[in-house]
Amino acid sequence: MKRSEINAALRELEAMCQEYHCYLPPFCHFTPEEWKKKGHEYDEIRDCMLGWDITDYGSGDFLHTGFSLITIRNGNRQKADQYPKVYAEKLLYLREGQYALNHFHWYKTEDIINRGGGNVLIRVYNSLPNEEIDYESDVLVQTDGFKRYVPAGTQVRLTPGESIFVHQRMYHDFSVEPGSGPVLLGEVSQCNDDNTDNRFNPPAGRFPAIEEDEPPYRLLCNEYPPAADR
């Protein structure tokens, strides 16, 4: 992805948060220059990968495959003695036409919540013992206290305020219902680790390669410089 494309996407997400009165913590507003001066007092943000994030899954086609997000809080399972939080919270932003790839998580469970904007469609499948997609069996779906089984591959429609529970090894992808407008999603989950806890089917990358065609507006969560010496 070009840095200019990333900058534009982050500004869109920031504007969506403002529109729906979803206020962000102070570290989300740090500039790249300010990050160079931050010391070890901000190690939690670095080590738990808090902050701005972009994915195009290595596709090079962010407008159709990918989305923008912010991790607001998280723990670190590899450093649980330092960061004992067992939960995480994110905000996700999808334009119409964007698609989040089919995947499951070995470890975390999560709620995906429509915080405002259009309608999100979340397609669900069970997984087989060999971790492939189960195209046959009905899927247990739980949305805001409502439990039922739906056929494999059903797209569950969430309007603003609605949510779905995603259990371990449950394949899911999501997109925006055409004509409904961009969507701001919330994610509340167990501790998140995007480096080890995503099983994409088919396989895909997670973080984009970046072409630096302009200075960064915000640093992404995997771009922070080392802590400054005091």
Protein backbone atom coordinates (compact mmCIF):
# COMPACT_ATOMS: atom_id res chain seq x y z
CA MET A 1 0.00 0.00 0.00
CA LYS A 2 1.08 3.57 -0.56
CA ARG A 3 1.53 5.64 2.59
CA SER A 4 -0.85 8.21 1.11
CA GLU A 5 -3.54 5.51 0.90
CA ILE A 6 -2.91 4.52 4.52
CA ASN A 7 -3.05 8.16 5.66
CA ALA A 8 -6.37 8.69 3.88
CA ALA A 9 -7.84 5.52 5.41
CA LEU A 10 -6.77 6.52 8.94
CA ARG A 11 -8.29 9.97 8.54
CA GLU A 12 -11.56 8.35 7.40
CA LEU A 13 -11.62 6.13 10.48
CA GLU A 14 -10.82 9.10 12.71
CA ALA A 15 -13.69 11.10 11.14
CA MET A 16 -16.08 8.15 11.58
CA CYS A 17 -15.19 7.95 15.28
CA GLN A 18 -15.87 11.67 15.66
CA GLU A 19 -19.20 11.38 13.84
CA TYR A 20 -20.41 8.65 16.20
CA HIS A 21 -18.93 10.26 19.34
CA CYS A 22 -16.47 7.43 19.87
CA TYR A 23 -13.64 9.23 21.64
CA LEU A 24 -10.09 7.89 21.35
CA PRO A 25 -7.37 7.69 24.02
CA PRO A 26 -4.51 10.23 23.95
CA PHE A 27 -1.93 7.89 22.37
CA CYS A 28 -4.04 7.67 19.20
CA HIS A 29 -3.29 11.35 18.59
CA PHE A 30 0.52 11.16 18.94
CA THR A 31 2.36 12.30 15.82
CA PRO A 32 5.36 10.37 14.42
CA GLU A 33 7.63 13.11 15.77
CA GLU A 34 6.11 12.83 19.24
CA TRP A 35 6.64 9.06 19.21
CA LYS A 36 10.40 9.57 18.82
CA LYS A 37 10.43 11.27 22.23
CA LYS A 38 8.32 8.74 24.14
CA GLY A 39 10.18 6.65 26.71
CA HIS A 40 9.56 3.35 28.47
CA GLU A 41 6.45 4.73 30.16
CA TYR A 42 4.68 3.85 26.88
CA ASP A 43 6.04 0.31 26.56
CA GLU A 44 2.56 -1.15 27.00
CA ILE A 45 1.45 0.49 23.76
CA ARG A 46 4.49 -0.90 21.91
CA ASP A 47 4.43 -4.39 23.42
CA CYS A 48 0.66 -4.91 23.16
CA MET A 49 0.41 -3.37 19.67
CA LEU A 50 -2.09 -0.72 20.66
CA GLY A 51 -3.06 2.02 18.24
CA TRP A 52 -3.68 2.42 14.53
CA ASP A 53 -3.66 -0.51 12.14
CA ILE A 54 -4.33 -1.24 8.48
CA THR A 55 -4.61 -4.51 6.64
CA ASP A 56 -4.87 -5.36 2.97
CA TYR A 57 -3.89 -9.00 3.67
CA GLY A 58 -0.98 -8.55 1.26
CA SER A 59 -3.47 -8.19 -1.60
CA GLY A 60 -2.38 -4.75 -2.80
CA ASP A 61 -6.09 -4.00 -3.26
CA PHE A 62 -7.14 -2.25 -0.07
CA LEU A 63 -10.30 -0.76 -1.60
CA HIS A 64 -11.74 -4.26 -1.98
CA THR A 65 -9.79 -6.50 0.44
CA GLY A 66 -8.94 -5.01 3.80
CA PHE A 67 -10.04 -2.50 6.42
CA SER A 68 -8.82 0.02 9.01
CA LEU A 69 -8.78 -0.48 12.77
CA ILE A 70 -7.59 0.76 16.14
CA THR A 71 -6.63 -1.42 19.09
CA ILE A 72 -7.62 0.54 22.18
CA ARG A 73 -6.68 -1.96 24.88
CA ASN A 74 -4.99 -5.37 24.96
CA GLY A 75 -2.79 -7.69 26.97
CA ASN A 76 0.19 -9.73 25.85
CA ARG A 77 0.05 -13.49 26.35
CA GLN A 78 3.82 -13.81 25.87
CA LYS A 79 4.44 -11.21 28.60
CA ALA A 80 1.50 -11.93 30.87
CA ASP A 81 3.49 -11.06 34.00
CA GLN A 82 3.93 -7.48 32.70
CA TYR A 83 0.62 -7.13 30.87
CA PRO A 84 -1.96 -9.32 32.63
CA LYS A 85 -5.05 -8.05 30.81
CA VAL A 86 -7.00 -11.03 29.44
CA TYR A 87 -9.21 -8.86 27.23
CA ALA A 88 -8.93 -6.56 24.24
CA GLU A 89 -11.01 -3.87 22.52
CA LYS A 90 -10.83 -2.64 18.94
CA LEU A 91 -12.63 -0.34 16.54
CA LEU A 92 -12.90 -1.43 12.91
CA TYR A 93 -13.93 0.60 9.87
CA LEU A 94 -15.14 -0.84 6.56
CA ARG A 95 -16.22 1.09 3.50
CA GLU A 96 -18.78 -0.33 1.14
CA GLY A 97 -17.01 -2.77 -1.18
CA GLN A 98 -14.34 -3.78 1.36
CA TYR A 99 -14.06 -7.36 2.55
CA ALA A 100 -12.46 -8.91 5.64
CA LEU A 101 -11.14 -12.35 4.74
CA ASN A 102 -12.46 -15.65 6.06
CA HIS A 103 -10.60 -16.75 9.20
CA PHE A 104 -10.88 -18.21 12.68
CA HIS A 105 -9.03 -17.83 15.96
CA TRP A 106 -7.55 -20.73 17.93
CA TYR A 107 -7.46 -18.83 21.22
CA LYS A 108 -9.71 -15.81 21.44
CA THR A 109 -13.47 -15.46 21.46
CA GLU A 110 -14.96 -12.12 20.52
CA ASP A 111 -18.07 -10.01 20.12
CA ILE A 112 -18.33 -8.00 16.91
CA ILE A 113 -20.61 -4.98 17.48
CA ASN A 114 -22.08 -2.60 14.92
CA ARG A 115 -21.34 0.78 16.50
CA GLY A 116 -22.84 2.92 13.75
CA GLY A 117 -23.22 3.62 10.06
CA GLY A 118 -24.41 0.95 7.67
CA ASN A 119 -25.14 -2.74 8.12
CA VAL A 120 -22.45 -5.42 8.34
CA LEU A 121 -22.83 -8.94 6.94
CA ILE A 122 -20.90 -11.63 8.81
CA ARG A 123 -20.67 -15.02 7.07
CA VAL A 124 -20.20 -18.00 9.40
CA TYR A 125 -18.95 -21.58 9.11
CA ASN A 126 -17.82 -24.24 11.55
CA SER A 127 -14.36 -25.74 11.10
CA LEU A 128 -13.47 -29.40 10.64
CA PRO A 129 -11.00 -31.30 12.86
CA ASN A 130 -8.30 -30.70 10.21
CA GLU A 131 -9.09 -26.93 10.47
CA GLU A 132 -10.62 -26.72 6.99
CA ILE A 133 -14.02 -25.09 6.41
CA ASP A 134 -17.08 -27.18 7.21
CA TYR A 135 -19.49 -26.43 4.38
CA GLU A 136 -22.17 -28.81 5.68
CA SER A 137 -22.99 -28.47 9.37
CA ASP A 138 -25.29 -25.84 10.83
CA VAL A 139 -23.59 -23.07 12.83
CA LEU A 140 -24.58 -21.95 16.32
CA VAL A 141 -25.15 -18.19 16.16
CA GLN A 142 -25.58 -15.99 19.24
CA THR A 143 -26.60 -12.36 18.70
CA ASP A 144 -27.46 -10.20 21.72
CA GLY A 145 -28.94 -13.03 23.75
CA PHE A 146 -30.69 -14.67 20.78
CA LYS A 147 -29.40 -18.20 20.07
CA ARG A 148 -30.18 -20.26 16.98
CA TYR A 149 -28.61 -22.52 14.33
CA VAL A 150 -28.17 -21.30 10.75
CA PRO A 151 -26.98 -23.13 7.61
CA ALA A 152 -23.25 -23.08 6.85
CA GLY A 153 -22.30 -19.95 4.93
CA THR A 154 -25.18 -17.82 6.23
CA GLN A 155 -24.49 -14.09 6.29
CA VAL A 156 -25.73 -12.71 9.59
CA ARG A 157 -26.89 -9.11 9.18
CA LEU A 158 -26.08 -6.70 12.00
CA THR A 159 -27.71 -3.27 12.06
CA PRO A 160 -26.33 -0.48 14.32
CA GLY A 161 -26.38 -1.63 17.94
CA GLU A 162 -26.47 -5.35 17.16
CA SER A 163 -23.63 -7.79 17.86
CA ILE A 164 -22.56 -11.39 17.27
CA PHE A 165 -20.50 -13.74 19.43
CA VAL A 166 -17.68 -15.48 17.54
CA HIS A 167 -16.41 -18.60 19.29
CA GLN A 168 -13.06 -20.31 18.87
CA ARG A 169 -12.47 -22.02 15.50
CA MET A 170 -15.59 -20.47 14.01
CA TYR A 171 -14.82 -19.24 10.52
CA HIS A 172 -16.13 -15.77 9.78
CA ASP A 173 -15.72 -13.05 7.20
CA PHE A 174 -17.46 -9.72 6.92
CA SER A 175 -18.46 -7.06 4.46
CA VAL A 176 -20.82 -4.08 4.27
CA GLU A 177 -24.36 -4.51 3.01
CA PRO A 178 -24.46 -2.70 -0.35
CA GLY A 179 -26.23 0.64 -0.22
CA SER A 180 -26.12 0.94 3.58
CA GLY A 181 -22.94 3.03 3.88
CA PRO A 182 -19.62 2.61 5.71
CA VAL A 183 -19.64 0.84 9.08
CA LEU A 184 -17.91 1.47 12.40
CA LEU A 185 -17.54 -1.81 14.30
CA GLY A 186 -16.46 -2.55 17.82
CA GLU A 187 -14.66 -5.71 18.84
CA VAL A 188 -14.53 -6.92 22.45
CA SER A 189 -12.48 -10.08 22.88
CA GLN A 190 -10.03 -12.09 24.85
CA CYS A 191 -6.41 -10.98 24.60
CA ASN A 192 -5.56 -10.43 20.93
CA ASP A 193 -2.44 -11.65 19.09
CA ASP A 194 -2.56 -10.95 15.37
CA ASN A 195 0.82 -12.58 14.84
CA THR A 196 -0.19 -16.08 15.98
CA ASP A 197 -3.98 -16.35 16.40
CA ASN A 198 -5.42 -15.89 12.89
CA ARG A 199 -6.09 -18.91 10.68
CA PHE A 200 -6.99 -17.51 7.24
CA ASN A 201 -8.63 -19.77 4.68
CA PRO A 202 -7.25 -19.46 2.08
CA PRO A 203 -3.92 -18.35 3.64
CA ALA A 204 -3.22 -14.63 3.62
CA GLY A 205 -0.87 -12.04 5.08
CA ARG A 206 -1.80 -9.60 7.82
CA PHE A 207 0.25 -6.39 7.57
CA PRO A 208 0.80 -4.46 4.33
CA ALA A 209 4.07 -3.67 2.59
CA ILE A 210 4.27 0.14 2.46
CA GLU A 211 5.45 2.41 -0.35
CA GLU A 212 6.54 5.69 1.22
CA ASP A 213 5.11 8.31 -1.13
CA GLU A 214 4.41 10.85 1.66
CA PRO A 215 5.15 11.22 5.40
CA PRO A 216 2.99 9.15 7.79
CA TYR A 217 0.00 10.86 9.39
CA ARG A 218 0.05 8.38 12.30
CA LEU A 219 2.39 5.48 13.01
CA LEU A 220 0.85 2.04 12.75
CA CYS A 221 0.97 -0.33 15.72
CA ASN A 222 3.93 -2.24 14.25
CA GLU A 223 5.96 0.90 13.43
CA TYR A 224 6.76 2.45 16.81
CA PRO A 225 10.40 3.44 17.37
CA PRO A 226 12.27 2.09 20.41
CA ALA A 227 11.77 3.93 23.68
CA ALA A 228 13.74 7.18 23.85
CA ASP A 229 16.58 7.39 26.35
CA ARG A 230 15.92 9.78 29.23
